[in-house]
Every structure is written in structure tokens, then in C-alpha cells.
């Protein structure tokens, strides 16, 4: 048993060194780094156990030092009592003359044909202002178009049938389609819509009319860019281009969206399936530019995947990684954004992802 702990400690030490010194140098290392929370957490008791029989002092130093480093890196995943959490910031004055609140739900539907009855029940229960869907295949879009039309008059369906992917957006408020991105030969990775926060006057924002864009154009004033994203999975197309090329493609997609938010210098929300965890280099770049809504106002780990073993087996499982995010530009641009509440919804909806519910002040 002691030999096993020694071996595990050596492996974890090698990974820690590679993670810190090399980052996501290649696709295989990036796959290991995706599990950084688990590997870092495991290294503390395993290393202490391996050292205990040699030197109790060394074991205590390892445990103390590792614990402090863990607290610095992952302490935000601990659920703090409400009285210890920072107060909710006062929201800026709303440009609409209303409360300046926005609620949204983002969800990777999973590209497997099925009835979406349980999802529609969830939408009726949560009743958010905005719905952002990933992996919205044609059969999903057809069901949602019929079922959501009464409550969400403004809808956009962009299924990419040839890739088994796609996006869907449904909103209570008007929006304009202002961006859509896809690298040749790969599924789309982002769509941007723009909502006006002052709907009382001003010229209309021009938007090309498309058969799957429902609703009148929005009006100008203070605007909010909303990016619905699904960056390419570490397993998608891995046989065709390999894990490292796939990693670089995903990083390019993330960097493209980050560059768009910087170029437009407008208040923005970037929400969806990032296929990225906090252990990655790409997350570090994103968190340096945008505010991570979960770290701002979520409680706990925020793990959202895998909720089930679909598409292989319709069996529920506890989520182990955080792949779904809602990031925003915070106070960098006008209007100022802040998350009031954010939670992972653990209902079994037939997808391998959990939905995120986000309540924001604008």
C-alpha cells in the first residue's frame, strides 16, 4: 500500500509541475489540466499519507502548504454562509425606467432527438427573460418554436444539421442578430444578439431579415450584447485533427469572442457551454478580461457536467466538472453588469449538461 501511495504522489507531483510550468502545452496535458480541481485536491491527502511514515513533520508541512495553496486556488468553491458573503452591489439606474433586471437560462440540450416536455416544464417554472440553447438541432428547434411562441415573442433558431449542432435563443424582449461565427469545416461556435435597454425611442438597429429570426428590430439606446457560445469539445473531431489541434481551435474560438467583446466596447454577457474548466489557460485569459458570474455570486463548485451518461446511457450521475459559464463585462462598459444570483439546476432533462439560471442587474 505504501508503494502505491508513493507512486500516486510522484504522478501528482509531476502533473503539478507540468500544470504550473507548461500549462496547456499540448492536448493531452490540457485534458489532465481539465481535472485540476480533483487532482490538486487529491494530492494533499495522498502526499501526506506517503510522507507520514517517513516524517510526520514533512507530512504536516505538505498538508499545511498544500491546504494554503488549495485555498488560494479553489477556496471560492467552498459554500460560504450567507452572512459571510459580500453584499449585493447597488444596481446602476436602469435606462429603461424599470428595475434593470435580467434573468437568463443557458442550457446545452444535447443533440439527441427526444421530446422536450421536461425542459418546457422547467422553463414554465423558472420563467426567465432570456433562453440560450446550445446543440439545438432541427427537431429541438421545431418543438421549441411551437411551445415558446406565446411567452417568448422574439426567437432565433440556427440549427446546424450537418454537424448535429446549433443555437437557439428565445427572449421576452426584442433583439437584433449582430454576429455569427463558424470556422470552415467545423460547427458554429458563437452567435451574438443585441438587445436595446432603452426601448422608448431612437432609431431602429438595422438587422437583415431572415426566415428564422422572429420579432421586430430593436431600438437604439444603451445596448447589451449577448453571446450564446459552444466552444468545440475536446472529443469532437479528435480522430480527424488530434487533441492538440483541437485544443488550439477551441482556444482560437474563445479568443475570438473575447476580442469581439473588446472591439465593441459594449456591455456583454458570454454564456453557454465553454467546454473548458478553471484549470485551463483559456479560462485564465477569459477571467482576466471578463467577470465569472459564478465566482461573483454562485455558491459551491458550480459543476454542471456530466448530469447523465447520455448519449451513451440514460443514467443520471453527479456532475464533476464546470463546463458551463456566464461571464460578463462587469463595470468595464456602460451599462454596468453584476450577477445577483446564479445556480445550477440539477433536474434530469435528458442532457449530459445542467442548465444555469442567472439573475443580473443592469
Protein backbone atom coordinates (compact mmCIF):
# COMPACT_ATOMS: atom_id res chain seq x y z
CA UNK A 1 0.00 0.00 0.00
CA UNK A 2 2.85 2.41 0.83
CA UNK A 3 4.35 1.80 -2.61
CA UNK A 4 1.01 2.70 -4.19
CA UNK A 5 0.85 6.00 -2.30
CA UNK A 6 4.45 6.76 -3.25
CA UNK A 7 3.66 6.14 -6.91
CA UNK A 8 0.50 8.26 -6.81
CA UNK A 9 2.38 11.08 -5.08
CA UNK A 10 5.08 11.02 -7.75
CA UNK A 11 2.49 11.12 -10.55
CA UNK A 12 0.64 14.00 -8.92
CA UNK A 13 3.88 15.92 -8.34
CA UNK A 14 4.82 15.52 -11.99
CA UNK A 15 1.39 16.75 -13.04
CA UNK A 16 1.52 19.74 -10.66
CA UNK A 17 4.90 20.75 -12.06
CA UNK A 18 3.70 20.40 -15.65
CA UNK A 19 0.48 22.30 -14.92
CA UNK A 20 2.33 25.20 -13.34
CA UNK A 21 5.29 25.34 -15.72
CA UNK A 22 3.81 24.25 -19.04
CA UNK A 23 0.09 24.97 -18.80
CA UNK A 24 -1.87 23.64 -21.77
CA UNK A 25 1.26 22.91 -23.81
CA UNK A 26 -0.49 20.13 -25.72
CA UNK A 27 -3.86 18.45 -25.95
CA UNK A 28 -3.04 15.55 -23.65
CA UNK A 29 -1.78 17.82 -20.89
CA UNK A 30 -4.85 20.03 -21.31
CA UNK A 31 -7.10 17.01 -20.77
CA UNK A 32 -5.31 16.33 -17.47
CA UNK A 33 -5.46 20.01 -16.50
CA UNK A 34 -9.22 19.96 -17.00
CA UNK A 35 -9.36 17.85 -13.84
CA UNK A 36 -7.12 20.23 -11.90
CA UNK A 37 -9.57 20.66 -9.01
CA UNK A 38 -9.72 16.92 -8.43
CA UNK A 39 -6.02 16.26 -8.95
CA UNK A 40 -4.91 19.16 -6.77
CA UNK A 41 -7.36 18.14 -4.04
CA UNK A 42 -6.24 14.50 -4.15
CA UNK A 43 -2.56 15.43 -3.96
CA UNK A 44 -2.90 16.79 -0.40
CA UNK A 45 -4.09 13.65 1.45
CA UNK A 46 -2.19 11.26 -0.82
CA UNK A 47 1.10 13.14 -0.41
CA UNK A 48 0.60 13.47 3.35
CA UNK A 49 -0.07 9.75 3.66
CA UNK A 50 3.06 8.89 1.66
CA UNK A 51 5.21 11.17 3.83
CA UNK A 52 3.72 10.25 7.21
CA UNK A 53 5.66 7.01 7.64
CA UNK A 54 8.93 8.82 6.83
CA UNK A 55 8.48 12.10 8.66
CA UNK A 56 5.40 13.34 10.41
CA UNK A 57 6.77 16.87 10.25
CA UNK A 58 7.16 16.62 6.48
CA UNK A 59 3.62 15.28 6.22
CA UNK A 60 2.26 18.19 8.26
CA UNK A 61 4.23 20.71 6.19
CA UNK A 62 2.89 19.12 3.00
CA UNK A 63 -0.69 19.18 4.28
CA UNK A 64 -0.43 22.77 5.55
CA UNK A 65 1.29 24.13 2.46
CA UNK A 66 -1.00 22.23 0.13
CA UNK A 67 -4.04 23.40 2.05
CA UNK A 68 -3.00 27.04 1.80
CA UNK A 69 -2.33 26.73 -1.93
CA UNK A 70 -5.66 24.94 -2.39
CA UNK A 71 -7.45 27.71 -0.52
CA UNK A 72 -5.87 30.31 -2.78
CA UNK A 73 -6.72 28.44 -5.97
CA UNK A 74 -10.03 26.80 -5.10
CA UNK A 75 -11.32 28.43 -1.95
CA UNK A 76 -14.09 30.11 -3.92
CA UNK A 77 -15.67 26.66 -4.46
CA UNK A 78 -16.45 26.40 -0.76
CA UNK A 79 -20.00 27.40 0.09
CA UNK A 80 -19.73 30.41 2.38
CA UNK A 81 -22.53 31.15 4.87
CA UNK A 82 -24.80 33.92 3.65
CA UNK A 83 -23.66 36.27 6.43
CA UNK A 84 -20.04 35.98 5.28
CA UNK A 85 -20.76 36.68 1.62
CA UNK A 86 -20.18 40.21 0.30
CA UNK A 87 -23.31 42.33 -0.05
CA UNK A 88 -25.07 42.56 -3.39
CA UNK A 89 -23.90 45.76 -5.08
CA UNK A 90 -26.41 48.53 -5.65
CA UNK A 91 -27.52 48.32 -9.28
CA UNK A 92 -26.96 51.29 -11.59
CA UNK A 93 -30.01 53.29 -12.57
CA UNK A 94 -31.90 51.43 -15.29
CA UNK A 95 -32.05 53.08 -18.71
CA UNK A 96 -35.49 51.55 -19.24
CA UNK A 97 -37.02 53.26 -16.24
CA UNK A 98 -37.75 49.77 -14.86
CA UNK A 99 -35.91 47.61 -12.38
CA UNK A 100 -32.84 47.00 -14.55
CA UNK A 101 -33.03 43.24 -14.02
CA UNK A 102 -32.42 40.43 -16.48
CA UNK A 103 -32.85 36.71 -15.86
CA UNK A 104 -31.49 34.12 -18.25
CA UNK A 105 -31.23 30.37 -18.54
CA UNK A 106 -28.48 28.74 -20.59
CA UNK A 107 -28.62 25.04 -21.43
CA UNK A 108 -26.84 22.55 -23.67
CA UNK A 109 -29.80 20.49 -24.87
CA UNK A 110 -27.71 17.53 -26.13
CA UNK A 111 -28.03 16.73 -29.81
CA UNK A 112 -30.20 13.65 -29.32
CA UNK A 113 -33.74 13.67 -30.67
CA UNK A 114 -36.34 13.39 -27.92
CA UNK A 115 -39.40 15.12 -26.52
CA UNK A 116 -38.54 18.25 -24.56
CA UNK A 117 -41.51 18.09 -22.21
CA UNK A 118 -39.41 18.23 -19.05
CA UNK A 119 -37.46 21.22 -20.37
CA UNK A 120 -40.66 23.10 -21.17
CA UNK A 121 -41.91 22.42 -17.65
CA UNK A 122 -38.65 23.82 -16.30
CA UNK A 123 -38.97 26.95 -18.44
CA UNK A 124 -42.52 27.48 -17.19
CA UNK A 125 -41.34 27.09 -13.60
CA UNK A 126 -38.28 29.33 -13.87
CA UNK A 127 -39.80 31.84 -16.33
CA UNK A 128 -36.54 33.64 -17.25
CA UNK A 129 -36.46 36.65 -19.56
CA UNK A 130 -33.98 35.02 -21.92
CA UNK A 131 -33.27 31.45 -23.02
CA UNK A 132 -29.94 30.45 -24.59
CA UNK A 133 -29.70 26.95 -26.06
CA UNK A 134 -26.74 25.01 -27.43
CA UNK A 135 -26.88 21.80 -29.51
CA UNK A 136 -30.26 22.99 -30.74
CA UNK A 137 -30.79 20.53 -33.59
CA UNK A 138 -33.74 20.91 -36.02
CA UNK A 139 -36.10 18.66 -34.01
CA UNK A 140 -35.38 20.67 -30.85
CA UNK A 141 -35.93 23.97 -32.68
CA UNK A 142 -39.26 22.77 -34.11
CA UNK A 143 -40.60 21.82 -30.68
CA UNK A 144 -39.38 24.98 -29.01
CA UNK A 145 -40.73 27.24 -31.76
CA UNK A 146 -44.24 25.92 -31.20
CA UNK A 147 -44.12 25.75 -27.42
CA UNK A 148 -42.37 29.03 -26.62
CA UNK A 149 -44.09 31.37 -29.08
CA UNK A 150 -46.76 32.59 -26.65
CA UNK A 151 -44.39 33.58 -23.83
CA UNK A 152 -41.28 34.44 -25.86
CA UNK A 153 -42.28 36.54 -28.89
CA UNK A 154 -38.70 37.04 -30.09
CA UNK A 155 -36.95 33.88 -31.21
CA UNK A 156 -33.96 32.82 -33.26
CA UNK A 157 -33.19 29.25 -34.37
CA UNK A 158 -29.86 28.45 -36.02
CA UNK A 159 -29.62 24.65 -36.24
CA UNK A 160 -26.53 23.31 -37.99
CA UNK A 161 -27.93 19.97 -39.12
CA UNK A 162 -24.79 18.86 -40.97
CA UNK A 163 -22.84 18.95 -37.69
CA UNK A 164 -25.63 17.87 -35.36
CA UNK A 165 -25.26 21.18 -33.52
CA UNK A 166 -26.86 24.62 -33.49
CA UNK A 167 -28.07 27.51 -31.36
CA UNK A 168 -31.44 28.75 -30.19
CA UNK A 169 -32.44 31.99 -28.49
CA UNK A 170 -35.84 32.98 -27.12
CA UNK A 171 -36.50 36.31 -25.43
CA UNK A 172 -39.32 38.35 -23.97
CA UNK A 173 -37.63 41.48 -25.35
CA UNK A 174 -36.65 42.36 -28.94
CA UNK A 175 -33.14 41.71 -30.18
CA UNK A 176 -31.06 42.02 -33.31
CA UNK A 177 -28.80 39.33 -34.71
CA UNK A 178 -25.40 41.03 -34.83
CA UNK A 179 -22.87 38.21 -35.11
CA UNK A 180 -22.46 34.56 -36.06
CA UNK A 181 -19.15 32.69 -36.19
CA UNK A 182 -18.01 29.38 -37.62
CA UNK A 183 -14.66 28.12 -38.83
CA UNK A 184 -14.81 26.28 -42.18
CA UNK A 185 -15.36 22.57 -41.71
CA UNK A 186 -16.45 22.83 -38.08
CA UNK A 187 -19.71 23.55 -36.29
CA UNK A 188 -20.66 27.14 -35.36
CA UNK A 189 -19.21 28.24 -32.04
CA UNK A 190 -20.94 31.54 -31.22
CA UNK A 191 -23.90 33.73 -32.05
CA UNK A 192 -24.38 37.29 -30.82
CA UNK A 193 -27.64 39.14 -30.40
CA UNK A 194 -28.01 42.72 -29.21
CA UNK A 195 -30.81 43.97 -27.02
CA UNK A 196 -31.67 47.62 -26.51
CA UNK A 197 -32.02 48.62 -22.89
CA UNK A 198 -33.88 51.80 -23.87
CA UNK A 199 -36.97 50.70 -25.79
CA UNK A 200 -38.79 54.03 -25.62
CA UNK A 201 -37.32 55.78 -28.64
CA UNK A 202 -34.45 56.27 -31.04
CA UNK A 203 -33.76 54.78 -34.46
CA UNK A 204 -34.08 51.04 -35.00
CA UNK A 205 -30.93 48.94 -35.17
CA UNK A 206 -30.81 47.53 -38.68
CA UNK A 207 -30.79 43.76 -38.95
CA UNK A 208 -31.09 41.59 -42.03
CA UNK A 209 -34.41 39.79 -42.00
CA UNK A 210 -34.03 36.03 -42.04
CA UNK A 211 -36.74 33.36 -42.13
CA UNK A 212 -35.73 32.00 -38.72
CA UNK A 213 -35.47 35.39 -36.99
CA UNK A 214 -38.80 36.22 -35.37
CA UNK A 215 -39.60 39.62 -33.91
CA UNK A 216 -39.18 43.29 -34.86
CA UNK A 217 -35.78 45.01 -34.80
CA UNK A 218 -34.72 46.52 -31.51
CA UNK A 219 -34.26 50.23 -30.94
CA UNK A 220 -31.11 52.07 -30.08
CA UNK A 221 -30.01 53.48 -26.77
CA UNK A 222 -27.93 51.62 -24.23
CA UNK A 223 -27.40 48.14 -25.64
CA UNK A 224 -26.41 44.77 -24.29
CA UNK A 225 -24.53 42.20 -26.37
CA UNK A 226 -25.43 38.60 -25.56
CA UNK A 227 -23.15 35.85 -26.84
CA UNK A 228 -24.51 32.31 -26.88
CA UNK A 229 -21.47 30.05 -27.21
CA UNK A 230 -20.47 26.44 -27.52
CA UNK A 231 -16.74 26.10 -27.99
CA UNK A 232 -15.65 22.86 -29.58
CA UNK A 233 -15.45 19.82 -27.31
CA UNK A 234 -12.11 18.14 -26.50
CA UNK A 235 -13.53 14.95 -28.03
CA UNK A 236 -15.24 16.38 -31.13
CA UNK A 237 -13.21 15.73 -34.29
CA UNK A 238 -10.31 14.40 -32.20
CA UNK A 239 -9.77 11.50 -34.59
CA UNK A 240 -9.66 13.88 -37.54
CA UNK A 241 -7.27 16.55 -36.26
CA UNK A 242 -5.85 15.23 -32.98
CA UNK A 243 -6.13 16.53 -29.41
CA UNK A 244 -3.59 19.36 -29.66
CA UNK A 245 -5.02 20.86 -32.86
CA UNK A 246 -8.47 20.58 -31.29
CA UNK A 247 -7.24 22.40 -28.19
CA UNK A 248 -5.78 25.22 -30.30
CA UNK A 249 -9.04 25.51 -32.25
CA UNK A 250 -11.04 25.85 -29.03
CA UNK A 251 -8.59 28.46 -27.74
CA UNK A 252 -8.92 30.39 -31.01
CA UNK A 253 -12.70 30.34 -30.68
CA UNK A 254 -12.57 31.64 -27.11
CA UNK A 255 -10.02 34.31 -28.02
CA UNK A 256 -12.17 35.39 -30.98
CA UNK A 257 -15.19 36.04 -28.75
CA UNK A 258 -13.02 37.82 -26.17
CA UNK A 259 -11.62 40.01 -28.94
CA UNK A 260 -15.16 40.81 -30.10
CA UNK A 261 -16.19 41.99 -26.64
CA UNK A 262 -13.09 44.16 -26.52
CA UNK A 263 -13.57 45.53 -30.02
CA UNK A 264 -17.19 46.58 -29.49
CA UNK A 265 -16.61 48.03 -26.01
CA UNK A 266 -20.24 47.38 -25.11
CA UNK A 267 -21.77 45.71 -22.09
CA UNK A 268 -21.81 41.99 -22.84
CA UNK A 269 -22.75 38.59 -21.45
CA UNK A 270 -20.99 35.47 -22.76
CA UNK A 271 -22.93 32.38 -21.73
CA UNK A 272 -23.13 28.76 -22.73
CA UNK A 273 -21.05 25.60 -22.92
CA UNK A 274 -17.39 26.63 -22.85
CA UNK A 275 -16.06 23.03 -22.79
CA UNK A 276 -13.35 24.48 -20.54
CA UNK A 277 -12.58 24.24 -16.83
CA UNK A 278 -10.82 26.61 -14.45
CA UNK A 279 -7.59 24.64 -14.80
CA UNK A 280 -7.08 25.72 -18.42
CA UNK A 281 -5.02 28.57 -19.84
CA UNK A 282 -8.03 29.78 -21.84
CA UNK A 283 -10.09 30.18 -18.68
CA UNK A 284 -7.34 32.32 -17.17
CA UNK A 285 -7.41 34.66 -20.18
CA UNK A 286 -11.20 34.86 -20.10
CA UNK A 287 -11.33 35.54 -16.36
CA UNK A 288 -8.74 38.30 -16.76
CA UNK A 289 -11.00 40.11 -19.24
CA UNK A 290 -14.49 39.16 -18.06
CA UNK A 291 -16.17 38.62 -14.71
CA UNK A 292 -17.01 34.99 -13.98
CA UNK A 293 -20.60 35.16 -12.77
CA UNK A 294 -20.30 32.00 -10.70
CA UNK A 295 -17.26 33.21 -8.79
CA UNK A 296 -19.06 36.53 -8.32
CA UNK A 297 -22.30 35.21 -6.88
CA UNK A 298 -22.56 31.40 -7.19
CA UNK A 299 -22.26 29.07 -4.24
CA UNK A 300 -20.22 25.89 -4.27
CA UNK A 301 -18.38 24.27 -7.12
CA UNK A 302 -20.83 25.06 -9.91
CA UNK A 303 -20.24 21.69 -11.55
CA UNK A 304 -22.61 21.17 -14.46
CA UNK A 305 -21.27 18.10 -16.30
CA UNK A 306 -21.96 15.21 -16.63
CA UNK A 307 -25.56 15.21 -15.40
CA UNK A 308 -26.22 11.94 -17.24
CA UNK A 309 -24.16 9.44 -19.19
CA UNK A 310 -26.03 10.40 -22.37
CA UNK A 311 -25.67 9.93 -25.25
CA UNK A 312 -24.27 6.54 -24.27
CA UNK A 313 -26.55 5.63 -21.37
CA UNK A 314 -29.59 7.42 -19.94
CA UNK A 315 -28.29 7.17 -16.38
CA UNK A 316 -28.01 10.13 -14.03
CA UNK A 317 -24.69 10.86 -12.37
CA UNK A 318 -23.34 13.59 -10.07
CA UNK A 319 -21.70 16.39 -12.10
CA UNK A 320 -17.91 16.50 -11.73
CA UNK A 321 -16.73 19.49 -13.80
CA UNK A 322 -17.79 23.06 -14.51
CA UNK A 323 -18.09 23.46 -18.27
CA UNK A 324 -20.99 25.92 -18.46
CA UNK A 325 -20.38 29.59 -17.68
CA UNK A 326 -22.00 33.00 -17.72
CA UNK A 327 -19.33 35.69 -17.89
CA UNK A 328 -19.88 39.41 -18.34
CA UNK A 329 -18.06 42.70 -18.79
CA UNK A 330 -18.86 43.95 -15.27
CA UNK A 331 -18.15 47.66 -14.83
CA UNK A 332 -15.83 47.99 -17.83
CA UNK A 333 -18.52 49.37 -20.12
CA UNK A 334 -21.90 51.07 -19.78
CA UNK A 335 -24.28 49.86 -18.50
CA UNK A 336 -22.62 48.17 -15.57
CA UNK A 337 -23.45 44.49 -15.10
CA UNK A 338 -23.47 42.37 -11.96
CA UNK A 339 -24.80 38.94 -11.06
CA UNK A 340 -27.30 38.88 -8.20
CA UNK A 341 -27.82 35.13 -8.08
CA UNK A 342 -26.62 32.15 -10.07
CA UNK A 343 -27.36 28.47 -9.64
CA UNK A 344 -27.02 25.12 -11.34
CA UNK A 345 -30.34 23.36 -11.94
CA UNK A 346 -29.99 19.64 -11.33
CA UNK A 347 -33.24 18.45 -12.97
CA UNK A 348 -32.84 15.43 -15.23
CA UNK A 349 -33.69 16.86 -18.66
CA UNK A 350 -32.13 14.15 -20.80
CA UNK A 351 -28.91 16.07 -21.44
CA UNK A 352 -25.40 15.47 -20.16
CA UNK A 353 -25.31 19.13 -19.04
CA UNK A 354 -27.17 21.00 -16.32
CA UNK A 355 -28.86 24.33 -17.07
CA UNK A 356 -27.63 27.52 -15.42
CA UNK A 357 -30.05 30.13 -14.10
CA UNK A 358 -28.57 33.64 -13.85
CA UNK A 359 -30.19 36.76 -12.38
CA UNK A 360 -28.45 40.02 -13.22
CA UNK A 361 -28.62 43.73 -12.50
CA UNK A 362 -28.13 46.01 -15.48
